[in-house]
Amino acid sequence: MKTDAKHIRIADFDYPLPDEKIPKFPLKKRDSSKLLIYQKGKITADGFASLPAYLPQGALMVFNNTKVIQARMLFHKATGALIEIFLMEPAQPTDYELMFQTNGTCAWYCMVGNLKKWKEGVLTRSFEIKGEAVELSVSLNREKEDEVKAGGTNHWIDFRWNNEKVSFAEILDVIGQLPIPPYLNRETEESDKTTYQTVYSKIKGSVAAPTAGLHFTPEVLAAINAAGIEREELTLHVGAGTFKPVKSEEIEGHNMHTEYIVVRKETLHQLLHHNCQAIAVGTTSVRTLESLYYMGAKLEVEKNLTEADLHVKQWEPYDYEYNNEGLAIIKGEPFTTQKAIENLLTFLEQNHLPALHTGTQIIIAPGFRYKIVQMLVTNFHQPQSTLLLLVSAFIGEDWRKVYDYALNHNFRFLSYGDSSLLIP
């Protein structure tokens, strides 16, 4: 049977969120945040440092190791008008790792603040890096408008600088600003450079933090290891679309941004070793893990695909017929999660690849059947958001019970708020 998720009304996923429930800054100690535990309808509360005690021994826990980049850049026109350029996605080169190593020139898809004041011309900034003078110039590339991605909100921006000893990563470190969420209603502070990164962040590329991971400390990670829980990391570079409100009445009208993902071959082997079941840290890990099933399904239908072909489109999971166990019917047979992961491993081996590099636009909404994620560590999300839809798809209508409990027991919400462990 198919599910018709497209006609879900976003107004049905609303709740009152007073401003005082949204902290502007994190707690001084990450793991002193609260932890709500939802387990099969029952709700209890504890401190986040106690999380390992609630996790099954021998389980596999999956973390998103993306690192937030200083993606906001400010320029002034000669008239004094302030133009903000917000890096969204690499355009040339398209590979994140290569992008940050570029010298002299590169291009990004960007959102532009105050665009009406910048129709043409070059904006410049001069600064020093390690005693070296650098002049950076940026220009709108009108010829590339037809290649602009993400629903027309982005623009192709060319970056050029006059010192080839300097990489683009170094430029961002000097003049870029960390893009904290707009609902914090404050300027970025120096402390955010540390507190708005997970302690295990490694791979540069996100414009928003995978906030479920902000609670983890080296001590909590050590306790997870000591409890016999295996840990794996993958990468999903979080886009600004994570804050994009659903403005359409039904979710069919909402456009999910593509997010770039990397999953190592070792992680796929670990999933197989754990019966394709995992504890996901954050909704970004969920979107990556659950996308793997549909990538494996593509390979079941057609063998000669590229990594780009494996990209999961927004509504793809809802196009299949499913059996009562939630398995897609492919070529007349139920398609197992194990077979999906095996297909991906075969693909990597045949193409001599150590990891899968592709993208996902997946939207997880009620009617979605989870294949891999068995438990979820996540923060409390905005009303009428796609992240709340994801939670509802995981624990059903009990999301209301969870959020009512959190509101009535002084839990803190959103990025710098408290956490929950959800076990359906």
Protein backbone atom coordinates (compact mmCIF):
# COMPACT_ATOMS: atom_id res chain seq x y z
CA MET A 1 0.00 0.00 0.00
CA LYS A 2 1.09 3.59 -0.65
CA THR A 3 0.82 6.44 1.82
CA ASP A 4 -0.37 9.87 0.78
CA ALA A 5 1.89 12.06 2.91
CA LYS A 6 1.72 15.01 0.52
CA HIS A 7 -1.68 16.12 1.82
CA ILE A 8 -0.66 16.38 5.48
CA ARG A 9 -1.69 19.80 6.82
CA ILE A 10 1.21 21.53 8.54
CA ALA A 11 -1.24 23.38 10.83
CA ASP A 12 -1.87 20.00 12.52
CA PHE A 13 1.73 20.10 13.81
CA ASP A 14 1.52 23.28 15.81
CA TYR A 15 2.01 23.91 19.53
CA PRO A 16 2.52 27.05 21.64
CA LEU A 17 6.23 27.88 22.10
CA PRO A 18 6.82 30.92 24.34
CA ASP A 19 10.04 32.89 23.75
CA GLU A 20 11.21 32.20 27.30
CA LYS A 21 11.47 28.46 26.42
CA ILE A 22 14.13 29.23 23.76
CA PRO A 23 17.54 29.84 25.38
CA LYS A 24 19.80 32.27 23.56
CA PHE A 25 22.94 30.63 24.98
CA PRO A 26 23.84 27.06 25.96
CA LEU A 27 24.48 25.80 29.47
CA LYS A 28 28.09 26.15 30.66
CA LYS A 29 28.47 22.36 30.73
CA ARG A 30 27.06 20.61 27.68
CA ASP A 31 25.98 17.39 29.38
CA SER A 32 24.20 19.13 32.28
CA SER A 33 21.19 19.59 29.99
CA LYS A 34 17.98 17.70 30.70
CA LEU A 35 17.04 14.45 28.97
CA LEU A 36 13.44 13.42 28.34
CA ILE A 37 13.06 9.67 27.83
CA TYR A 38 10.08 8.50 25.81
CA GLN A 39 9.78 4.72 25.72
CA LYS A 40 6.74 3.06 24.18
CA GLY A 41 4.33 5.68 25.48
CA LYS A 42 5.92 6.24 28.89
CA ILE A 43 7.79 9.47 29.68
CA THR A 44 10.47 10.01 32.33
CA ALA A 45 13.19 12.62 32.80
CA ASP A 46 16.89 12.56 33.71
CA GLY A 47 20.11 14.45 33.03
CA PHE A 48 21.83 14.07 29.67
CA ALA A 49 24.97 12.66 31.32
CA SER A 50 22.86 9.57 32.18
CA LEU A 51 22.08 8.81 28.51
CA PRO A 52 24.37 5.73 28.25
CA ALA A 53 22.32 3.95 30.94
CA TYR A 54 19.28 3.96 28.63
CA LEU A 55 21.04 2.49 25.59
CA PRO A 56 21.16 -1.26 24.88
CA GLN A 57 24.56 -2.91 25.16
CA GLY A 58 26.00 -3.92 21.79
CA ALA A 59 23.92 -1.37 19.88
CA LEU A 60 25.30 0.82 17.10
CA MET A 61 25.10 4.59 17.63
CA VAL A 62 25.53 6.88 14.61
CA PHE A 63 26.75 10.50 14.80
CA ASN A 64 26.96 13.25 12.18
CA ASN A 65 30.54 14.59 12.19
CA THR A 66 29.86 17.67 10.04
CA LYS A 67 31.46 20.96 11.08
CA VAL A 68 29.71 24.33 10.80
CA ILE A 69 31.53 26.80 8.57
CA GLN A 70 31.65 30.58 9.03
CA ALA A 71 29.24 30.95 6.14
CA ARG A 72 28.10 34.58 6.57
CA MET A 73 30.21 37.21 4.81
CA LEU A 74 29.51 40.95 4.97
CA PHE A 75 30.44 43.48 2.27
CA HIS A 76 29.81 47.21 1.89
CA LYS A 77 29.10 48.94 -1.40
CA ALA A 78 30.67 52.35 -2.06
CA THR A 79 27.27 53.83 -1.19
CA GLY A 80 27.54 52.25 2.28
CA ALA A 81 24.81 49.65 1.63
CA LEU A 82 25.48 46.43 3.57
CA ILE A 83 25.30 43.23 1.49
CA GLU A 84 25.27 39.85 3.25
CA ILE A 85 26.42 36.76 1.35
CA PHE A 86 25.44 33.42 2.90
CA LEU A 87 27.29 30.40 1.50
CA MET A 88 24.87 27.56 0.80
CA GLU A 89 26.45 24.99 -1.51
CA PRO A 90 29.72 24.73 -3.48
CA ALA A 91 29.25 25.48 -7.19
CA GLN A 92 32.79 25.29 -8.55
CA PRO A 93 34.37 23.01 -7.48
CA THR A 94 31.33 21.07 -6.21
CA ASP A 95 33.35 18.88 -3.81
CA TYR A 96 33.44 20.38 -0.30
CA GLU A 97 36.95 19.18 0.51
CA LEU A 98 38.39 20.58 -2.72
CA MET A 99 36.45 23.80 -2.26
CA PHE A 100 38.09 24.68 1.03
CA GLN A 101 41.54 24.01 -0.47
CA THR A 102 41.02 26.28 -3.51
CA ASN A 103 43.48 29.11 -4.15
CA GLY A 104 42.60 32.26 -6.05
CA THR A 105 39.08 31.52 -7.26
CA CYS A 106 35.92 29.53 -6.53
CA ALA A 107 32.14 29.84 -6.79
CA TRP A 108 29.24 29.14 -4.42
CA TYR A 109 25.47 29.07 -4.54
CA CYS A 110 24.57 31.74 -2.01
CA MET A 111 21.62 33.51 -0.45
CA VAL A 112 22.12 37.28 -0.70
CA GLY A 113 20.80 39.74 1.86
CA ASN A 114 19.85 43.21 0.55
CA LEU A 115 20.08 41.95 -3.04
CA LYS A 116 17.94 44.85 -4.27
CA LYS A 117 20.89 47.16 -3.51
CA TRP A 118 23.35 44.99 -5.46
CA LYS A 119 22.23 44.51 -9.05
CA GLU A 120 25.73 44.47 -10.55
CA GLY A 121 29.36 45.33 -9.94
CA VAL A 122 32.11 43.85 -7.79
CA LEU A 123 32.24 44.01 -3.99
CA THR A 124 35.65 43.90 -2.31
CA ARG A 125 37.21 43.43 1.11
CA SER A 126 40.85 43.81 2.09
CA PHE A 127 42.40 42.06 5.10
CA GLU A 128 45.47 40.19 6.28
CA ILE A 129 46.04 36.48 6.81
CA LYS A 130 49.23 35.47 8.62
CA GLY A 131 50.81 38.78 7.69
CA GLU A 132 49.86 38.40 4.01
CA ALA A 133 47.68 41.08 2.38
CA VAL A 134 44.58 39.71 0.69
CA GLU A 135 41.94 41.44 -1.43
CA LEU A 136 38.77 39.41 -1.96
CA SER A 137 36.26 40.34 -4.66
CA VAL A 138 32.79 38.87 -5.19
CA SER A 139 30.45 39.21 -8.16
CA LEU A 140 27.01 37.95 -9.17
CA ASN A 141 27.33 35.65 -12.18
CA ARG A 142 24.16 36.38 -14.17
CA GLU A 143 25.16 33.90 -16.89
CA LYS A 144 24.83 31.08 -14.35
CA GLU A 145 21.31 31.99 -13.19
CA ASP A 146 19.87 28.97 -15.04
CA GLU A 147 22.09 26.71 -12.89
CA VAL A 148 20.97 28.21 -9.60
CA LYS A 149 19.63 25.59 -7.20
CA ALA A 150 17.24 25.31 -4.25
CA GLY A 151 14.03 26.78 -5.56
CA GLY A 152 15.44 30.05 -6.85
CA THR A 153 16.50 31.48 -3.49
CA ASN A 154 20.21 31.09 -4.27
CA HIS A 155 22.54 32.97 -6.61
CA TRP A 156 25.82 31.93 -8.26
CA ILE A 157 28.56 34.07 -6.69
CA ASP A 158 32.12 34.13 -8.04
CA PHE A 159 34.91 34.67 -5.48
CA ARG A 160 38.38 35.85 -6.50
CA TRP A 161 41.37 36.80 -4.37
CA ASN A 162 44.81 38.04 -5.24
CA ASN A 163 46.99 35.83 -3.03
CA GLU A 164 47.27 32.21 -4.10
CA LYS A 165 49.16 31.26 -0.93
CA VAL A 166 45.82 31.64 0.86
CA SER A 167 43.07 29.00 0.73
CA PHE A 168 39.33 29.69 0.79
CA ALA A 169 39.12 27.95 4.18
CA GLU A 170 41.60 30.49 5.62
CA ILE A 171 39.56 33.38 4.19
CA LEU A 172 36.39 32.10 5.87
CA ASP A 173 38.21 31.67 9.17
CA VAL A 174 39.23 35.35 9.08
CA ILE A 175 36.22 37.22 7.64
CA GLY A 176 33.35 34.71 7.81
CA GLN A 177 30.82 34.70 10.64
CA LEU A 178 29.30 31.60 12.19
CA PRO A 179 25.60 31.50 11.18
CA ILE A 180 23.70 30.87 14.41
CA PRO A 181 19.95 30.22 13.99
CA PRO A 182 17.79 33.27 13.21
CA TYR A 183 15.38 32.51 16.07
CA LEU A 184 18.11 33.27 18.64
CA ASN A 185 17.61 36.95 17.68
CA ARG A 186 21.16 38.01 18.49
CA GLU A 187 24.54 38.50 16.86
CA THR A 188 27.07 35.69 16.75
CA GLU A 189 29.52 35.81 19.67
CA GLU A 190 33.04 34.42 19.93
CA SER A 191 31.80 31.69 22.29
CA ASP A 192 29.48 30.32 19.57
CA LYS A 193 32.52 29.21 17.58
CA THR A 194 32.98 26.52 20.24
CA THR A 195 29.50 25.96 21.66
CA TYR A 196 27.77 25.75 18.25
CA GLN A 197 30.04 22.85 17.19
CA THR A 198 29.84 19.26 18.40
CA VAL A 199 32.95 17.99 20.21
CA TYR A 200 33.34 15.39 17.43
CA SER A 201 32.87 17.78 14.47
CA LYS A 202 35.46 17.14 11.74
CA ILE A 203 34.27 17.70 8.18
CA LYS A 204 33.63 21.32 7.18
CA GLY A 205 30.46 22.08 5.24
CA SER A 206 27.35 22.78 7.36
CA VAL A 207 25.66 26.15 7.71
CA ALA A 208 23.77 24.91 10.79
CA ALA A 209 24.85 22.58 13.59
CA PRO A 210 23.42 19.08 14.06
CA THR A 211 22.16 20.29 17.42
CA ALA A 212 21.35 16.93 19.03
CA GLY A 213 25.10 16.41 19.15
CA LEU A 214 25.79 19.59 21.11
CA HIS A 215 25.04 17.82 24.42
CA PHE A 216 27.81 15.23 24.08
CA THR A 217 31.05 15.64 26.01
CA PRO A 218 34.19 13.50 25.95
CA GLU A 219 32.97 12.03 29.26
CA VAL A 220 29.59 10.97 27.83
CA LEU A 221 31.28 9.50 24.75
CA ALA A 222 33.68 7.56 27.01
CA ALA A 223 30.70 6.26 29.03
CA ILE A 224 29.02 5.13 25.80
CA ASN A 225 32.17 3.21 24.86
CA ALA A 226 32.38 1.70 28.36
CA ALA A 227 28.75 0.57 28.10
CA GLY A 228 29.65 -1.59 25.10
CA ILE A 229 27.88 0.59 22.53
CA GLU A 230 29.64 0.90 19.19
CA ARG A 231 29.94 4.32 17.55
CA GLU A 232 30.04 5.23 13.86
CA GLU A 233 30.18 8.58 12.12
CA LEU A 234 28.74 9.76 8.83
CA THR A 235 28.50 13.22 7.29
CA LEU A 236 25.46 15.25 6.29
CA HIS A 237 26.18 18.91 5.64
CA VAL A 238 23.19 20.72 7.11
CA GLY A 239 21.73 23.41 4.85
CA ALA A 240 19.87 26.57 5.79
CA GLY A 241 16.74 24.73 4.62
CA THR A 242 16.66 23.18 8.09
CA PHE A 243 15.25 26.53 9.31
CA LYS A 244 13.01 27.07 6.30
CA PRO A 245 9.42 27.31 7.54
CA VAL A 246 6.70 25.30 5.85
CA LYS A 247 4.59 28.07 4.31
CA SER A 248 2.25 25.92 2.22
CA GLU A 249 -0.99 24.65 3.76
CA GLU A 250 -0.14 21.07 2.78
CA ILE A 251 3.42 19.77 2.85
CA GLU A 252 3.28 18.93 -0.85
CA GLY A 253 4.07 22.61 -1.49
CA HIS A 254 7.26 22.57 0.61
CA ASN A 255 10.58 22.24 -1.21
CA MET A 256 13.32 20.37 0.68
CA HIS A 257 16.87 21.53 -0.02
CA THR A 258 19.39 18.95 -1.16
CA GLU A 259 21.91 18.03 1.54
CA TYR A 260 25.30 16.51 0.76
CA ILE A 261 26.11 13.22 2.49
CA VAL A 262 29.14 10.96 2.92
CA VAL A 263 28.86 7.40 4.24
CA ARG A 264 32.01 5.32 4.61
CA LYS A 265 32.19 1.68 3.53
CA GLU A 266 33.06 0.73 7.14
CA THR A 267 29.81 2.29 8.35
CA LEU A 268 27.81 0.18 5.90
CA HIS A 269 29.62 -2.95 7.12
CA GLN A 270 28.81 -1.97 10.71
CA LEU A 271 25.14 -1.58 9.82
CA LEU A 272 25.10 -5.08 8.36
CA HIS A 273 26.84 -6.39 11.48
CA HIS A 274 24.06 -4.82 13.60
CA ASN A 275 21.15 -6.21 11.55
CA CYS A 276 20.76 -2.82 9.83
CA GLN A 277 19.59 -1.21 13.06
CA ALA A 278 21.00 1.91 14.70
CA ILE A 279 20.52 4.61 17.32
CA ALA A 280 20.59 7.94 15.47
CA VAL A 281 22.01 11.07 17.05
CA GLY A 282 19.95 13.85 15.51
CA THR A 283 17.54 14.25 12.63
CA THR A 284 20.46 14.72 10.21
CA SER A 285 21.74 11.21 10.99
CA VAL A 286 18.16 9.96 10.54
CA ARG A 287 17.84 11.52 7.08
CA THR A 288 21.16 10.02 6.01
CA LEU A 289 20.53 6.53 7.38
CA GLU A 290 16.98 6.26 6.07
CA SER A 291 18.08 7.52 2.63
CA LEU A 292 20.40 4.51 2.31
CA TYR A 293 17.45 2.14 1.83
CA TYR A 294 16.21 4.08 -1.18
CA MET A 295 19.69 4.33 -2.67
CA GLY A 296 20.00 0.56 -2.40
CA ALA A 297 16.55 0.23 -4.00
CA LYS A 298 17.68 2.26 -7.03
CA LEU A 299 20.57 -0.17 -7.49
CA GLU A 300 18.16 -3.10 -7.34
CA VAL A 301 16.24 -1.65 -10.28
CA GLU A 302 19.18 -0.40 -12.34
CA LYS A 303 22.84 -1.37 -12.00
CA ASN A 304 24.75 1.20 -14.09
CA LEU A 305 24.30 4.23 -11.87
CA THR A 306 26.66 6.98 -10.73
CA GLU A 307 26.87 8.39 -7.20
CA ALA A 308 24.85 11.40 -8.41
CA ASP A 309 22.10 9.02 -9.63
CA LEU A 310 21.73 7.70 -6.06
CA HIS A 311 20.49 11.10 -4.85
CA VAL A 312 17.17 10.58 -3.03
CA LYS A 313 14.43 12.94 -4.18
CA GLN A 314 11.99 14.46 -1.70
CA TRP A 315 8.96 12.24 -2.34
CA GLU A 316 10.77 9.10 -3.54
CA PRO A 317 10.00 7.00 -0.43
CA TYR A 318 6.27 7.57 -1.00
CA ASP A 319 6.26 6.29 -4.59
CA TYR A 320 6.67 2.61 -3.71
CA GLU A 321 4.11 -0.03 -2.86
CA TYR A 322 4.88 -1.53 0.59
CA ASN A 323 3.96 -4.76 2.36
CA ASN A 324 2.66 -4.91 5.94
CA GLU A 325 6.24 -4.93 7.30
CA GLY A 326 6.97 -1.64 5.55
CA LEU A 327 9.24 -3.17 2.90
CA ALA A 328 9.04 -1.80 -0.64
CA ILE A 329 7.90 -4.24 -3.31
CA ILE A 330 10.54 -4.31 -6.05
CA LYS A 331 10.28 -6.74 -8.96
CA GLY A 332 7.37 -8.40 -7.17
CA GLU A 333 9.36 -9.16 -4.00
CA PRO A 334 9.78 -7.43 -0.60
CA PHE A 335 13.06 -5.51 -0.67
CA THR A 336 14.95 -5.89 2.61
CA THR A 337 17.16 -3.30 4.28
CA GLN A 338 19.98 -5.84 4.33
CA LYS A 339 19.78 -6.15 0.54
CA ALA A 340 19.83 -2.34 0.21
CA ILE A 341 23.05 -2.06 2.24
CA GLU A 342 24.60 -4.99 0.38
CA ASN A 343 23.80 -3.27 -2.94
CA LEU A 344 25.54 -0.10 -1.76
CA LEU A 345 28.63 -2.06 -0.67
CA THR A 346 28.76 -3.83 -4.04
CA PHE A 347 28.45 -0.45 -5.76
CA LEU A 348 31.38 0.97 -3.76
CA GLU A 349 33.54 -2.08 -4.41
CA GLN A 350 32.82 -2.13 -8.15
CA ASN A 351 33.65 1.57 -8.41
CA HIS A 352 36.71 1.32 -6.10
CA LEU A 353 35.26 3.92 -3.73
CA PRO A 354 36.03 4.10 0.02
CA ALA A 355 32.84 6.05 0.73
CA LEU A 356 29.54 7.06 -0.82
CA HIS A 357 29.31 10.76 -1.76
CA THR A 358 25.84 11.84 -2.86
CA GLY A 359 22.83 13.87 -1.72
CA THR A 360 19.38 13.57 -0.23
CA GLN A 361 16.22 15.67 -0.25
CA ILE A 362 14.23 13.12 1.75
CA ILE A 363 11.22 14.39 3.69
CA ILE A 364 10.19 12.12 6.55
CA ALA A 365 6.55 12.63 7.46
CA PRO A 366 3.76 10.56 9.04
CA GLY A 367 3.19 7.50 6.86
CA PHE A 368 6.95 6.97 6.44
CA ARG A 369 8.13 3.55 7.70
CA TYR A 370 11.56 3.65 9.35
CA LYS A 371 13.94 0.94 8.16
CA ILE A 372 17.17 1.51 10.13
CA VAL A 373 16.66 3.94 13.01
CA GLN A 374 15.36 2.21 16.16
CA MET A 375 16.08 4.94 18.72
CA LEU A 376 16.57 8.69 18.28
CA VAL A 377 18.41 11.32 20.32
CA THR A 378 17.05 14.72 19.34
CA ASN A 379 16.30 18.23 20.63
CA PHE A 380 12.84 19.86 20.72
CA HIS A 381 11.92 21.35 17.35
CA GLN A 382 9.99 24.35 16.08
CA PRO A 383 6.22 24.19 15.60
CA GLN A 384 5.07 23.46 12.04
CA SER A 385 8.54 22.29 10.96
CA THR A 386 9.70 19.36 8.84
CA LEU A 387 11.72 18.16 11.86
CA LEU A 388 8.52 17.87 13.89
CA LEU A 389 7.02 15.84 11.03
CA LEU A 390 10.03 13.51 11.28
CA VAL A 391 9.47 13.03 15.03
CA SER A 392 5.77 12.38 14.46
CA ALA A 393 6.62 9.76 11.85
CA PHE A 394 8.80 8.08 14.49
CA ILE A 395 6.53 8.07 17.58
CA GLY A 396 3.14 8.92 16.09
CA GLU A 397 0.65 11.21 17.78
CA ASP A 398 2.58 10.78 21.05
CA TRP A 399 4.75 13.69 19.87
CA ARG A 400 2.09 15.90 21.46
CA LYS A 401 2.45 14.10 24.78
CA VAL A 402 6.24 14.49 24.64
CA TYR A 403 6.09 18.21 23.84
CA ASP A 404 3.39 18.88 26.44
CA TYR A 405 5.56 17.17 29.05
CA ALA A 406 8.62 19.19 28.00
CA LEU A 407 6.69 22.48 28.09
CA ASN A 408 5.20 21.70 31.51
CA HIS A 409 8.51 20.55 33.07
CA ASN A 410 10.68 23.53 32.12
CA PHE A 411 12.60 21.87 29.31
CA ARG A 412 14.49 24.25 27.02
CA PHE A 413 13.70 24.17 23.29
CA LEU A 414 15.52 24.41 19.93
CA SER A 415 19.26 24.61 19.18
CA TYR A 416 20.68 25.44 22.62
CA GLY A 417 17.86 23.63 24.45
CA ASP A 418 17.50 20.24 26.12
CA SER A 419 17.40 16.77 24.62
CA SER A 420 15.20 13.71 24.30
CA LEU A 421 15.69 9.99 23.74
CA LEU A 422 12.79 8.57 21.71
CA ILE A 423 12.14 4.82 21.70
CA PRO A 424 8.94 3.90 19.82
